[in-house]
Amino acid sequence: MKKVYFYATCLGSTAMQQSVLNAIKLLRREGIEVIFKKNQTCCAQPSFNSGYF
């Protein structure tokens, strides 16, 4: 069985929760094991994009 680690990002975790859930359902339906940690932290991409790195 294939496995994927699903990282939802800040946007997915806050504004697009249903899209994240739908993506996970789709992957599972295709027989892919989805590893999704509920306590994911921010990757800091917004800060990086703003020049704070």
C-alpha atoms as a PDB file:
ATOM      1  CA  MET A   1       0.000   0.000   0.000  1.00  0.00           C
ATOM      2  CA  LYS A   2       1.279   3.456  -0.864  1.00  0.00           C
ATOM      3  CA  LYS A   3       1.555   6.037   1.897  1.00  0.00           C
ATOM      4  CA  VAL A   4       1.512   9.820   1.815  1.00  0.00           C
ATOM      5  CA  TYR A   5       2.145  12.368   4.518  1.00  0.00           C
ATOM      6  CA  PHE A   6      -0.540  15.016   4.128  1.00  0.00           C
ATOM      7  CA  TYR A   7       0.460  18.515   5.216  1.00  0.00           C
ATOM      8  CA  ALA A   8      -2.572  20.782   5.156  1.00  0.00           C
ATOM      9  CA  THR A   9      -0.765  24.142   5.500  1.00  0.00           C
ATOM     10  CA  CYS A  10      -2.171  27.049   7.483  1.00  0.00           C
ATOM     11  CA  LEU A  11      -4.637  27.903   4.736  1.00  0.00           C
ATOM     12  CA  GLY A  12      -5.953  24.374   4.565  1.00  0.00           C
ATOM     13  CA  SER A  13      -6.237  24.081   8.321  1.00  0.00           C
ATOM     14  CA  THR A  14      -8.149  27.325   8.769  1.00  0.00           C
ATOM     15  CA  ALA A  15      -9.923  28.440   5.615  1.00  0.00           C
ATOM     16  CA  MET A  16     -10.243  25.301   3.502  1.00  0.00           C
ATOM     17  CA  GLN A  17     -10.961  22.540   5.990  1.00  0.00           C
ATOM     18  CA  GLN A  18     -13.570  20.832   3.827  1.00  0.00           C
ATOM     19  CA  SER A  19     -11.170  20.723   0.877  1.00  0.00           C
ATOM     20  CA  VAL A  20      -8.547  19.075   3.075  1.00  0.00           C
ATOM     21  CA  LEU A  21     -11.053  16.482   4.279  1.00  0.00           C
ATOM     22  CA  ASN A  22     -12.197  15.806   0.710  1.00  0.00           C
ATOM     23  CA  ALA A  23      -8.605  15.335  -0.465  1.00  0.00           C
ATOM     24  CA  ILE A  24      -7.950  12.838   2.327  1.00  0.00           C
ATOM     25  CA  LYS A  25     -11.133  10.930   1.474  1.00  0.00           C
ATOM     26  CA  LEU A  26     -10.132  10.813  -2.196  1.00  0.00           C
ATOM     27  CA  LEU A  27      -6.661   9.478  -1.414  1.00  0.00           C
ATOM     28  CA  ARG A  28      -8.058   6.829   0.926  1.00  0.00           C
ATOM     29  CA  ARG A  29     -10.651   5.800  -1.644  1.00  0.00           C
ATOM     30  CA  GLU A  30      -7.791   5.155  -4.071  1.00  0.00           C
ATOM     31  CA  GLY A  31      -6.141   2.839  -1.559  1.00  0.00           C
ATOM     32  CA  ILE A  32      -3.496   5.255  -0.327  1.00  0.00           C
ATOM     33  CA  GLU A  33      -2.727   5.374   3.377  1.00  0.00           C
ATOM     34  CA  VAL A  34      -2.868   8.993   4.523  1.00  0.00           C
ATOM     35  CA  ILE A  35      -0.723  10.072   7.435  1.00  0.00           C
ATOM     36  CA  PHE A  36      -2.171  13.291   8.830  1.00  0.00           C
ATOM     37  CA  LYS A  37      -0.919  14.626  12.128  1.00  0.00           C
ATOM     38  CA  LYS A  38      -3.599  16.647  13.863  1.00  0.00           C
ATOM     39  CA  ASN A  39      -1.067  18.772  15.738  1.00  0.00           C
ATOM     40  CA  GLN A  40       0.711  20.126  12.660  1.00  0.00           C
ATOM     41  CA  THR A  41       2.469  23.428  13.124  1.00  0.00           C
ATOM     42  CA  CYS A  42       2.939  26.343  10.775  1.00  0.00           C
ATOM     43  CA  CYS A  43       5.698  25.974   8.194  1.00  0.00           C
ATOM     44  CA  ALA A  44       6.382  29.761   8.341  1.00  0.00           C
ATOM     45  CA  GLN A  45       5.927  30.141   4.575  1.00  0.00           C
ATOM     46  CA  PRO A  46       3.913  33.409   4.947  1.00  0.00           C
ATOM     47  CA  SER A  47       6.763  34.944   6.972  1.00  0.00           C
ATOM     48  CA  PHE A  48       9.354  33.682   4.503  1.00  0.00           C
ATOM     49  CA  ASN A  49       7.396  35.143   1.581  1.00  0.00           C
ATOM     50  CA  SER A  50       7.213  38.484   3.414  1.00  0.00           C
ATOM     51  CA  GLY A  51      10.981  38.652   3.840  1.00  0.00           C
ATOM     52  CA  TYR A  52      11.227  37.555   7.485  1.00  0.00           C
ATOM     53  CA  PHE A  53      13.725  34.716   7.178  1.00  0.00           C
END
